[in-house]
C-alpha cells in the first residue's frame, strides 16, 4: 500500500503519463514534500488514520495526490479545521499542510492558537517567500528588497520585516517540536524527511504539537531555473531563516483520547437543561428520510431564518435525536440571502451542511431562486407568498407550498413573527415534528418574554391553517 493514489485524476482523468504528474511547476518544492509525507505515512503504517488538511494556495490540491482522509479548509483556517478533526477523532493523525501566505498572513491567529493549545497535530509549513498560486504577491515571508507583483521596487520597511514563523512558534509553551529545513540539496532533503517523520511520530505517540517549516523553491515567481532557485534559497533565504531545530522538548503523552459524546440526554445535561421539562411526543420523521433529514431556511437579514433554524434543531434534540444548526450570513444587509442549514439525524449527523435539502423554507425571492433548484427530488418547499410571486424551475417531484407569512406576522401585530408562522406551515405539510413538540420548544425559547408567547402561538396556528399546496399532488 502507498499513501499516493495510483493515478492522479487531476490530469487527463488519471490516464497516461499525465495521470502520474502533479500540477506543480518544475522545480517546485511542494512535490518533494508530498513525497516525504507519503513515505512517512507508509513507513508509520498510518494511512487509514491520517487526515490531511489543505487550504487555499498551491497546497490546495493535496487531495488529488494523497490517498488519505482529506479536507479542504478556507484560507488560513487549516489549523482550526485540523483541531476539529483531532478532537472529533482522537485516534486520527492530522496534518495541516500550509503555505506562507496562508499560514503566516490570513491564518496567523489560527496557527498561534493551535500551537499554544499544544494538542497533537502536525503542521507542515511551506515557505517559498511568495504568494504562489495567486500571482506572486508579497508574502509575510518575502525577503527585504525582494521584488514581487505588489512590491515591484522590492520589499522595504513600509512593508515590514519578514516573519520568522519557526522562531515565533518555538517560543510558545504549547509546541513540543519545531524545526526549519530546506530542500536545496540531498543532505537538506534527507533532513526534511526526518523532520516530517519526527513530527508525525510525536503525534502517533500522543505527545504534542509539531511544526516543520520547509524552505522551498518557487522557480516560476523567482523567474529562475530550478537549479538557480535552489541556489537562491541557500544563499538568500537561509541567512534570514536559519535552518535547524528551534525547539525539541521531552514530554510525556498527555492528550486524552476521549471520543465526543452524541447522546442527546448527556447534551441536555451539559446545557443544564431540566430533563423533566423536556417531554417527547413522537418518533423520528422517517417518512422524510430514514436516518437524516436536511432542512435549509433562507431569507433576507431580519426575516428570522436563523431563529427558526435554531428552534428546529432544539426541537430535534428535545425529541432525542442528534441535531445541528449551521448559520451562514451572506451579504444580507445588501439584499442578499442569509441562510441556515439544519440536520435532524436518528443517530448522528455526519455533515452539518444541507447542500441538497429535503425541505426548503424561503422567506424572499432571491432565496427561493438560489436554493429552490437544490431541493432533492421528492422534497418540498414552503415559501412566503406575501413577497414571492414567481417560482423558479424546480427539480421534478418537488412539492411547493405557499403561505402568506409576512401577512400573518402583520395580522398578529408583529411582522417579524413570520418565522414562527413558517414553522407552523412546515409542521402542517411535512409533519416533521408534532405540533406539541414545536410549541413546547417555542414556549421554552420565549420563557423570558412570556407576554410574547400568545402572539407566537397565534402565528404558528395561522401558518398551519393558511398554508396551501400550489404544485404537486402528494405531501412531503
Protein backbone atom coordinates (compact mmCIF):
# COMPACT_ATOMS: atom_id res chain seq x y z
CA UNK A 1 0.00 0.00 0.00
CA UNK A 2 1.08 3.55 -0.63
CA UNK A 3 -0.23 6.89 0.54
CA UNK A 4 -0.19 8.13 -3.07
CA UNK A 5 -3.11 7.43 -5.35
CA UNK A 6 -2.04 5.11 -8.19
CA UNK A 7 -3.31 7.72 -10.68
CA UNK A 8 -3.77 11.46 -10.25
CA UNK A 9 -7.24 12.28 -11.54
CA UNK A 10 -6.48 16.00 -11.85
CA UNK A 11 -4.80 15.44 -15.23
CA UNK A 12 -6.40 13.57 -18.16
CA UNK A 13 -8.69 11.67 -15.75
CA UNK A 14 -5.67 9.77 -14.46
CA UNK A 15 -4.79 8.27 -17.82
CA UNK A 16 -1.35 8.02 -19.42
CA UNK A 17 1.72 9.92 -18.29
CA UNK A 18 -0.34 12.90 -17.16
CA UNK A 19 -2.04 10.63 -14.64
CA UNK A 20 1.32 10.37 -12.86
CA UNK A 21 2.12 14.10 -12.87
CA UNK A 22 1.26 16.74 -10.29
CA UNK A 23 0.14 20.25 -11.15
CA UNK A 24 3.24 21.82 -9.60
CA UNK A 25 5.71 23.79 -11.68
CA UNK A 26 9.08 22.17 -12.49
CA UNK A 27 11.41 22.65 -9.53
CA UNK A 28 8.64 23.46 -7.05
CA UNK A 29 9.30 22.24 -3.52
CA UNK A 30 5.73 21.05 -2.93
CA UNK A 31 6.26 17.85 -4.90
CA UNK A 32 9.21 16.76 -2.77
CA UNK A 33 7.35 17.43 0.46
CA UNK A 34 4.38 15.44 -0.84
CA UNK A 35 6.73 12.51 -1.43
CA UNK A 36 8.23 12.74 2.06
CA UNK A 37 4.77 12.90 3.62
CA UNK A 38 3.65 9.85 1.65
CA UNK A 39 6.82 7.93 2.53
CA UNK A 40 6.49 8.72 6.25
CA UNK A 41 2.80 7.80 6.30
CA UNK A 42 3.66 4.47 4.67
CA UNK A 43 6.59 3.73 7.00
CA UNK A 44 4.50 4.50 10.07
CA UNK A 45 1.58 2.46 8.70
CA UNK A 46 -0.91 5.24 9.49
CA UNK A 47 -2.57 5.72 6.11
CA UNK A 48 -6.03 4.68 7.31
CA UNK A 49 -5.78 7.02 10.31
CA UNK A 50 -4.41 10.08 8.53
CA UNK A 51 -6.37 13.23 7.70
CA UNK A 52 -4.67 15.91 5.61
CA UNK A 53 -6.00 19.47 5.71
CA UNK A 54 -5.06 21.70 2.78
CA UNK A 55 -6.31 25.28 2.42
CA UNK A 56 -6.23 27.85 -0.38
CA UNK A 57 -2.98 28.25 -2.31
CA UNK A 58 -0.63 25.90 -4.14
CA UNK A 59 -1.22 23.36 -1.36
CA UNK A 60 -4.93 23.16 -2.09
CA UNK A 61 -4.83 20.17 -4.44
CA UNK A 62 -3.12 17.83 -1.98
CA UNK A 63 -6.27 15.72 -2.04
CA UNK A 64 -5.58 14.73 -5.66
CA UNK A 65 -2.38 13.02 -4.60
CA UNK A 66 -2.52 11.62 -1.05
CA UNK A 67 -4.88 8.68 -0.59
CA UNK A 68 -5.80 9.61 2.97
CA UNK A 69 -8.67 11.45 4.56
CA UNK A 70 -8.69 14.94 3.07
CA UNK A 71 -10.36 18.21 3.97
CA UNK A 72 -10.04 21.49 2.12
CA UNK A 73 -10.09 24.44 4.51
CA UNK A 74 -10.90 28.08 3.94
CA UNK A 75 -7.91 30.38 3.50
CA UNK A 76 -5.83 30.37 6.69
CA UNK A 77 -8.23 28.16 8.64
CA UNK A 78 -6.44 24.81 8.28
CA UNK A 79 -5.23 24.67 11.95
CA UNK A 80 -8.78 25.25 13.20
CA UNK A 81 -10.11 22.52 10.89
CA UNK A 82 -7.26 20.23 11.95
CA UNK A 83 -8.15 20.72 15.61
CA UNK A 84 -11.76 19.86 14.80
CA UNK A 85 -10.70 16.59 13.18
CA UNK A 86 -8.39 15.70 16.06
CA UNK A 87 -10.94 16.43 18.77
CA UNK A 88 -13.73 14.59 16.94
CA UNK A 89 -11.50 11.59 16.15
CA UNK A 90 -8.68 11.46 18.73
CA UNK A 91 -7.09 8.38 17.13
CA UNK A 92 -6.62 10.17 13.81
CA UNK A 93 -3.27 11.52 12.65
CA UNK A 94 -3.92 15.06 11.43
CA UNK A 95 -1.62 17.02 9.12
CA UNK A 96 -2.14 20.72 8.44
CA UNK A 97 -0.33 21.45 5.18
CA UNK A 98 0.00 25.19 4.51
CA UNK A 99 1.89 27.79 2.52
CA UNK A 100 3.41 31.01 3.80
CA UNK A 101 0.75 33.42 2.58
CA UNK A 102 -1.90 31.16 4.08
CA UNK A 103 -0.32 30.35 7.44
CA UNK A 104 1.68 33.49 8.19
CA UNK A 105 -0.82 36.05 6.88
CA UNK A 106 -4.56 35.39 6.94
CA UNK A 107 -4.12 32.35 9.19
CA UNK A 108 -1.72 33.82 11.72
CA UNK A 109 -4.27 33.86 14.56
CA UNK A 110 -5.29 30.26 13.86
CA UNK A 111 -1.75 28.87 13.87
CA UNK A 112 -0.80 30.75 17.04
CA UNK A 113 -3.90 29.46 18.83
CA UNK A 114 -3.37 25.87 17.67
CA UNK A 115 0.32 25.91 18.60
CA UNK A 116 -0.26 27.37 22.05
CA UNK A 117 -3.03 24.85 22.68
CA UNK A 118 -0.49 22.10 22.07
CA UNK A 119 -2.93 19.36 21.02
CA UNK A 120 -1.04 16.74 18.98
CA UNK A 121 -1.32 17.71 15.33
CA UNK A 122 1.47 18.06 12.77
CA UNK A 123 1.85 21.29 10.79
CA UNK A 124 3.95 21.29 7.62
CA UNK A 125 4.64 24.88 6.59
CA UNK A 126 5.94 25.55 3.07
CA UNK A 127 7.88 28.82 2.99
CA UNK A 128 8.78 29.89 -0.55
CA UNK A 129 8.74 33.62 0.29
CA UNK A 130 5.92 34.44 -2.13
CA UNK A 131 2.21 34.07 -2.81
CA UNK A 132 2.44 31.36 -5.46
CA UNK A 133 -0.99 30.42 -6.80
CA UNK A 134 -2.49 33.92 -6.75
CA UNK A 135 0.17 35.66 -8.82
CA UNK A 136 3.42 36.29 -6.94
CA UNK A 137 2.36 38.94 -4.45
CA UNK A 138 4.25 39.98 -1.32
CA UNK A 139 4.01 37.35 1.42
CA UNK A 140 4.78 37.77 5.13
CA UNK A 141 7.97 35.78 4.50
CA UNK A 142 9.14 37.74 1.43
CA UNK A 143 12.74 38.90 1.91
CA UNK A 144 13.77 42.53 2.19
CA UNK A 145 14.40 44.07 -1.26
CA UNK A 146 12.78 41.03 -2.94
CA UNK A 147 10.58 42.12 -5.84
CA UNK A 148 7.01 40.85 -6.11
CA UNK A 149 3.98 41.87 -8.15
CA UNK A 150 2.84 44.09 -5.27
CA UNK A 151 6.33 45.37 -4.39
CA UNK A 152 7.88 45.88 -7.84
CA UNK A 153 10.63 48.05 -6.35
CA UNK A 154 11.41 45.46 -3.71
CA UNK A 155 10.20 44.96 -0.15
CA UNK A 156 11.07 47.95 2.00
CA UNK A 157 10.43 49.00 5.59
CA UNK A 158 6.93 50.20 4.72
CA UNK A 159 6.03 46.56 4.07
CA UNK A 160 7.55 45.44 7.35
CA UNK A 161 10.19 42.84 8.11
CA UNK A 162 9.83 39.16 7.13
CA UNK A 163 8.18 36.97 9.77
CA UNK A 164 10.26 34.08 11.12
CA UNK A 165 7.47 31.65 11.87
CA UNK A 166 9.58 28.80 13.26
CA UNK A 167 11.11 31.09 15.88
CA UNK A 168 7.73 32.63 16.65
CA UNK A 169 6.09 29.23 17.17
CA UNK A 170 9.05 27.87 19.15
CA UNK A 171 8.76 30.49 21.88
CA UNK A 172 5.19 29.42 22.68
CA UNK A 173 4.63 26.96 25.52
CA UNK A 174 2.39 24.57 23.60
CA UNK A 175 4.61 23.04 20.88
CA UNK A 176 7.00 20.19 21.63
CA UNK A 177 8.95 20.18 18.37
CA UNK A 178 9.78 22.96 15.89
CA UNK A 179 12.35 22.68 13.11
CA UNK A 180 13.21 24.54 9.92
CA UNK A 181 14.55 22.53 7.00
CA UNK A 182 15.27 23.11 3.30
CA UNK A 183 15.30 21.23 0.00
CA UNK A 184 18.19 22.70 -2.00
CA UNK A 185 20.45 19.62 -1.89
CA UNK A 186 20.26 15.93 -0.98
CA UNK A 187 21.57 16.46 2.54
CA UNK A 188 18.87 19.02 3.29
CA UNK A 189 16.20 16.84 1.69
CA UNK A 190 17.07 13.94 3.97
CA UNK A 191 16.84 16.28 6.96
CA UNK A 192 13.45 17.46 5.74
CA UNK A 193 12.11 13.92 5.56
CA UNK A 194 13.50 13.12 9.04
CA UNK A 195 11.82 16.24 10.45
CA UNK A 196 8.46 15.28 8.93
CA UNK A 197 8.86 11.75 10.26
CA UNK A 198 9.59 13.06 13.75
CA UNK A 199 6.62 15.42 13.66
CA UNK A 200 4.32 12.56 12.74
CA UNK A 201 5.81 10.16 15.30
CA UNK A 202 5.28 12.68 18.08
CA UNK A 203 1.62 12.72 17.11
CA UNK A 204 1.42 8.92 16.83
CA UNK A 205 2.92 8.72 20.33
CA UNK A 206 0.34 11.24 21.53
CA UNK A 207 2.98 13.65 22.81
CA UNK A 208 2.23 17.05 21.30
CA UNK A 209 2.14 19.71 18.61
CA UNK A 210 4.84 19.73 15.93
CA UNK A 211 5.73 22.45 13.42
CA UNK A 212 8.04 21.80 10.46
CA UNK A 213 8.93 24.80 8.31
CA UNK A 214 10.29 23.91 4.87
CA UNK A 215 12.21 26.47 2.81
CA UNK A 216 11.04 25.63 -0.69
CA UNK A 217 11.80 26.82 -4.20
CA UNK A 218 9.34 28.69 -6.42
CA UNK A 219 11.19 28.99 -9.76
CA UNK A 220 8.15 30.45 -11.52
CA UNK A 221 7.84 33.60 -9.44
CA UNK A 222 11.55 33.90 -8.82
CA UNK A 223 11.92 33.76 -12.62
CA UNK A 224 14.82 31.34 -12.23
CA UNK A 225 15.68 27.85 -13.36
CA UNK A 226 15.14 25.11 -10.74
CA UNK A 227 18.90 24.96 -10.12
CA UNK A 228 19.21 28.73 -9.73
CA UNK A 229 16.19 28.74 -7.45
CA UNK A 230 17.90 26.20 -5.19
CA UNK A 231 20.97 28.42 -5.07
CA UNK A 232 18.78 31.43 -4.22
CA UNK A 233 17.19 29.60 -1.31
CA UNK A 234 20.60 28.57 0.01
CA UNK A 235 22.27 31.95 -0.40
CA UNK A 236 19.38 34.37 0.18
CA UNK A 237 16.78 32.64 2.34
CA UNK A 238 18.90 30.65 4.76
CA UNK A 239 20.71 33.71 6.21
CA UNK A 240 17.29 35.20 7.04
CA UNK A 241 15.71 31.89 8.02
CA UNK A 242 18.45 29.83 9.70
CA UNK A 243 17.96 26.08 9.46
CA UNK A 244 17.83 23.74 12.42
CA UNK A 245 15.82 22.64 15.42
CA UNK A 246 14.21 25.56 17.21
CA UNK A 247 12.52 23.54 19.94
CA UNK A 248 12.60 19.87 20.96
CA UNK A 249 11.00 19.10 24.31
CA UNK A 250 10.77 15.86 26.24
CA UNK A 251 7.17 15.45 27.30
CA UNK A 252 5.01 12.56 28.39
CA UNK A 253 1.92 11.64 26.36
CA UNK A 254 -0.94 13.77 27.59
CA UNK A 255 -3.77 14.08 25.08
CA UNK A 256 -6.88 12.32 26.45
CA UNK A 257 -8.28 10.17 23.67
CA UNK A 258 -11.90 10.58 24.57
CA UNK A 259 -14.37 10.27 21.70
CA UNK A 260 -17.03 13.01 21.79
CA UNK A 261 -20.45 12.04 23.11
CA UNK A 262 -23.52 12.38 20.90
CA UNK A 263 -26.10 11.19 23.41
CA UNK A 264 -28.84 13.88 23.41
CA UNK A 265 -29.59 13.23 27.10
CA UNK A 266 -25.97 13.98 28.03
CA UNK A 267 -26.02 17.00 25.73
CA UNK A 268 -29.01 18.44 27.53
CA UNK A 269 -27.31 17.73 30.86
CA UNK A 270 -24.25 19.64 29.67
CA UNK A 271 -26.53 22.52 28.75
CA UNK A 272 -28.02 22.38 32.27
CA UNK A 273 -31.44 21.54 30.84
CA UNK A 274 -34.03 20.04 33.12
CA UNK A 275 -34.83 16.58 31.75
CA UNK A 276 -38.21 16.55 33.46
CA UNK A 277 -39.12 19.67 31.49
CA UNK A 278 -38.49 18.09 28.06
CA UNK A 279 -41.45 15.89 27.10
CA UNK A 280 -41.12 13.79 23.97
CA UNK A 281 -44.03 13.42 21.59
CA UNK A 282 -43.09 11.33 18.60
CA UNK A 283 -40.62 9.10 16.77
CA UNK A 284 -38.11 10.05 14.09
CA UNK A 285 -39.63 11.65 10.92
CA UNK A 286 -38.60 8.67 8.76
CA UNK A 287 -41.33 9.49 6.22
CA UNK A 288 -39.00 12.30 5.06
CA UNK A 289 -35.75 10.31 5.27
CA UNK A 290 -34.95 7.10 7.15
CA UNK A 291 -31.97 8.47 9.08
CA UNK A 292 -31.12 12.13 8.44
CA UNK A 293 -33.42 14.99 7.44
CA UNK A 294 -31.76 18.04 5.83
CA UNK A 295 -33.51 21.42 6.01
CA UNK A 296 -32.48 24.83 4.68
CA UNK A 297 -34.09 28.09 5.79
CA UNK A 298 -33.20 31.24 3.89
CA UNK A 299 -34.21 34.88 3.67
CA UNK A 300 -33.02 38.44 3.98
CA UNK A 301 -31.49 39.73 7.19
CA UNK A 302 -34.20 40.10 9.80
CA UNK A 303 -36.54 37.52 8.27
CA UNK A 304 -35.90 35.18 11.19
CA UNK A 305 -34.45 32.23 9.28
CA UNK A 306 -31.70 31.78 11.87
CA UNK A 307 -34.09 31.76 14.83
CA UNK A 308 -36.44 29.31 13.12
CA UNK A 309 -33.48 27.06 12.34
CA UNK A 310 -32.32 27.10 15.97
CA UNK A 311 -35.82 26.20 17.14
CA UNK A 312 -35.98 23.25 14.73
CA UNK A 313 -32.59 21.97 15.88
CA UNK A 314 -33.56 22.38 19.55
CA UNK A 315 -36.81 20.53 18.94
CA UNK A 316 -34.84 17.69 17.38
CA UNK A 317 -32.61 17.46 20.45
CA UNK A 318 -35.65 17.57 22.71
CA UNK A 319 -37.11 14.65 20.79
CA UNK A 320 -33.97 12.61 21.48
CA UNK A 321 -32.16 12.94 18.15
CA UNK A 322 -28.83 14.40 17.07
CA UNK A 323 -29.38 17.82 15.51
CA UNK A 324 -27.12 20.52 14.09
CA UNK A 325 -27.69 24.13 13.08
CA UNK A 326 -25.14 25.98 10.95
CA UNK A 327 -25.74 29.68 10.15
CA UNK A 328 -24.39 31.40 7.05
CA UNK A 329 -24.56 35.18 6.91
CA UNK A 330 -24.07 36.38 3.35
CA UNK A 331 -24.46 39.96 2.15
CA UNK A 332 -27.99 40.03 3.54
CA UNK A 333 -27.64 43.65 4.62
CA UNK A 334 -27.28 44.48 0.91
CA UNK A 335 -30.27 42.46 -0.28
CA UNK A 336 -28.73 39.01 -0.48
CA UNK A 337 -29.61 35.91 1.49
CA UNK A 338 -28.91 34.75 5.00
CA UNK A 339 -29.44 31.02 5.32
CA UNK A 340 -29.19 28.28 7.89
CA UNK A 341 -28.68 24.53 7.47
CA UNK A 342 -30.36 22.13 9.88
CA UNK A 343 -29.93 18.38 10.15
CA UNK A 344 -32.05 16.08 12.29
CA UNK A 345 -30.47 12.61 12.49
CA UNK A 346 -31.75 9.44 14.10
CA UNK A 347 -28.26 8.59 15.41
CA UNK A 348 -25.55 11.06 14.37
CA UNK A 349 -25.25 13.96 11.93
CA UNK A 350 -22.33 13.16 9.64
CA UNK A 351 -22.22 16.52 7.85
CA UNK A 352 -23.92 19.72 9.06
CA UNK A 353 -24.33 21.32 5.62
CA UNK A 354 -27.56 20.93 3.67
CA UNK A 355 -26.46 21.45 0.07
CA UNK A 356 -29.35 19.29 -1.20
CA UNK A 357 -32.07 19.73 1.40
CA UNK A 358 -35.21 17.66 1.71
CA UNK A 359 -37.04 20.79 2.84
CA UNK A 360 -36.56 24.46 1.98
CA UNK A 361 -38.22 27.40 3.74
CA UNK A 362 -37.78 30.57 1.66
CA UNK A 363 -38.65 34.00 3.05
CA UNK A 364 -37.76 36.03 -0.05
CA UNK A 365 -37.47 35.65 -3.81
CA UNK A 366 -33.64 35.59 -4.04
CA UNK A 367 -33.55 32.73 -1.54
CA UNK A 368 -36.10 30.71 -3.48
CA UNK A 369 -34.31 31.36 -6.76
CA UNK A 370 -30.94 30.39 -5.31
CA UNK A 371 -31.86 27.33 -3.26
CA UNK A 372 -35.09 26.07 -4.85
CA UNK A 373 -33.23 24.16 -7.60
CA UNK A 374 -31.08 22.41 -4.96
CA UNK A 375 -34.00 20.70 -3.21
CA UNK A 376 -33.94 16.93 -3.62
CA UNK A 377 -36.49 15.37 -5.97
CA UNK A 378 -39.48 14.42 -3.88
CA UNK A 379 -38.72 17.14 -1.35
CA UNK A 380 -40.79 20.20 -0.55
CA UNK A 381 -40.62 23.96 -0.39
CA UNK A 382 -42.54 26.36 1.84
CA UNK A 383 -42.33 30.00 0.77
CA UNK A 384 -43.70 33.38 1.78
CA UNK A 385 -46.40 34.15 -0.79
CA UNK A 386 -46.69 37.72 0.51
CA UNK A 387 -43.42 38.70 -1.14
CA UNK A 388 -42.71 35.86 -3.61
CA UNK A 389 -44.87 35.73 -6.71
CA UNK A 390 -42.88 33.69 -9.25
CA UNK A 391 -41.35 30.25 -8.95
CA UNK A 392 -38.01 29.25 -10.49
CA UNK A 393 -37.54 25.99 -12.36
CA UNK A 394 -37.50 23.25 -9.74
CA UNK A 395 -36.46 19.58 -9.73
CA UNK A 396 -39.11 17.11 -10.77
CA UNK A 397 -41.27 15.87 -7.94
CA UNK A 398 -40.70 18.82 -5.61
CA UNK A 399 -43.94 19.85 -3.90
CA UNK A 400 -44.38 23.59 -3.33
CA UNK A 401 -46.46 25.18 -0.59
CA UNK A 402 -47.35 28.85 -0.27
CA UNK A 403 -48.17 30.67 2.96
CA UNK A 404 -48.61 34.44 3.44
CA UNK A 405 -46.01 34.51 6.21
CA UNK A 406 -45.44 38.27 6.28
CA UNK A 407 -49.19 38.98 6.23
CA UNK A 408 -49.63 36.56 9.14
CA UNK A 409 -46.99 38.41 11.14
CA UNK A 410 -48.66 41.73 10.42
CA UNK A 411 -52.07 40.35 11.38
CA UNK A 412 -50.88 39.30 14.84
CA UNK A 413 -49.16 42.65 15.35
CA UNK A 414 -45.52 41.61 14.92
CA UNK A 415 -44.26 41.24 11.32
CA UNK A 416 -41.06 39.52 12.47
CA UNK A 417 -43.10 36.60 13.84
CA UNK A 418 -43.42 35.36 10.26
CA UNK A 419 -40.64 32.86 11.05
CA UNK A 420 -42.91 31.22 13.64
CA UNK A 421 -45.71 31.17 11.08
CA UNK A 422 -43.24 29.38 8.80
CA UNK A 423 -42.69 26.71 11.46
CA UNK A 424 -46.46 26.23 11.67
CA UNK A 425 -46.71 25.83 7.91
CA UNK A 426 -43.73 23.46 7.96
CA UNK A 427 -45.33 21.34 10.67
CA UNK A 428 -48.58 21.13 8.73
CA UNK A 429 -47.14 19.99 5.40
CA UNK A 430 -44.16 17.87 6.49
CA UNK A 431 -45.19 16.52 9.91
CA UNK A 432 -41.50 16.68 10.79
CA UNK A 433 -42.43 17.08 14.47
CA UNK A 434 -45.78 17.05 16.25
CA UNK A 435 -47.34 20.42 16.95
CA UNK A 436 -46.98 19.89 20.70
CA UNK A 437 -43.23 19.33 20.35
CA UNK A 438 -42.70 22.53 18.38
CA UNK A 439 -44.99 24.58 20.62
CA UNK A 440 -43.11 23.32 23.68
CA UNK A 441 -39.81 24.39 22.10
CA UNK A 442 -41.18 27.84 21.22
CA UNK A 443 -42.57 28.34 24.73
CA UNK A 444 -39.25 27.36 26.28
CA UNK A 445 -37.39 29.78 23.99
CA UNK A 446 -39.77 32.59 24.98
CA UNK A 447 -39.79 31.84 28.71
CA UNK A 448 -38.12 35.18 29.46
CA UNK A 449 -40.65 37.02 27.26
CA UNK A 450 -43.84 35.37 28.41
CA UNK A 451 -46.01 38.15 27.03
CA UNK A 452 -44.91 37.18 23.52
CA UNK A 453 -45.92 33.52 23.80
CA UNK A 454 -49.59 34.05 22.80
CA UNK A 455 -48.56 36.02 19.70
CA UNK A 456 -46.09 33.30 18.67
CA UNK A 457 -48.69 30.60 19.16
CA UNK A 458 -51.20 32.59 17.09
CA UNK A 459 -48.68 32.96 14.28
CA UNK A 460 -47.83 29.26 14.44
CA UNK A 461 -51.51 28.32 14.24
CA UNK A 462 -52.14 30.73 11.37
CA UNK A 463 -49.19 29.27 9.45
CA UNK A 464 -50.73 25.82 9.83
CA UNK A 465 -54.17 26.97 8.68
CA UNK A 466 -53.16 29.20 5.77
CA UNK A 467 -50.55 27.07 4.02
CA UNK A 468 -51.73 25.62 0.72
CA UNK A 469 -50.23 23.32 -1.89
CA UNK A 470 -49.80 25.08 -5.22
CA UNK A 471 -47.73 22.46 -7.06
CA UNK A 472 -47.55 18.69 -6.86
CA UNK A 473 -50.09 16.08 -5.92
CA UNK A 474 -48.72 14.49 -2.76
CA UNK A 475 -47.43 15.86 0.54
CA UNK A 476 -43.80 15.56 1.54
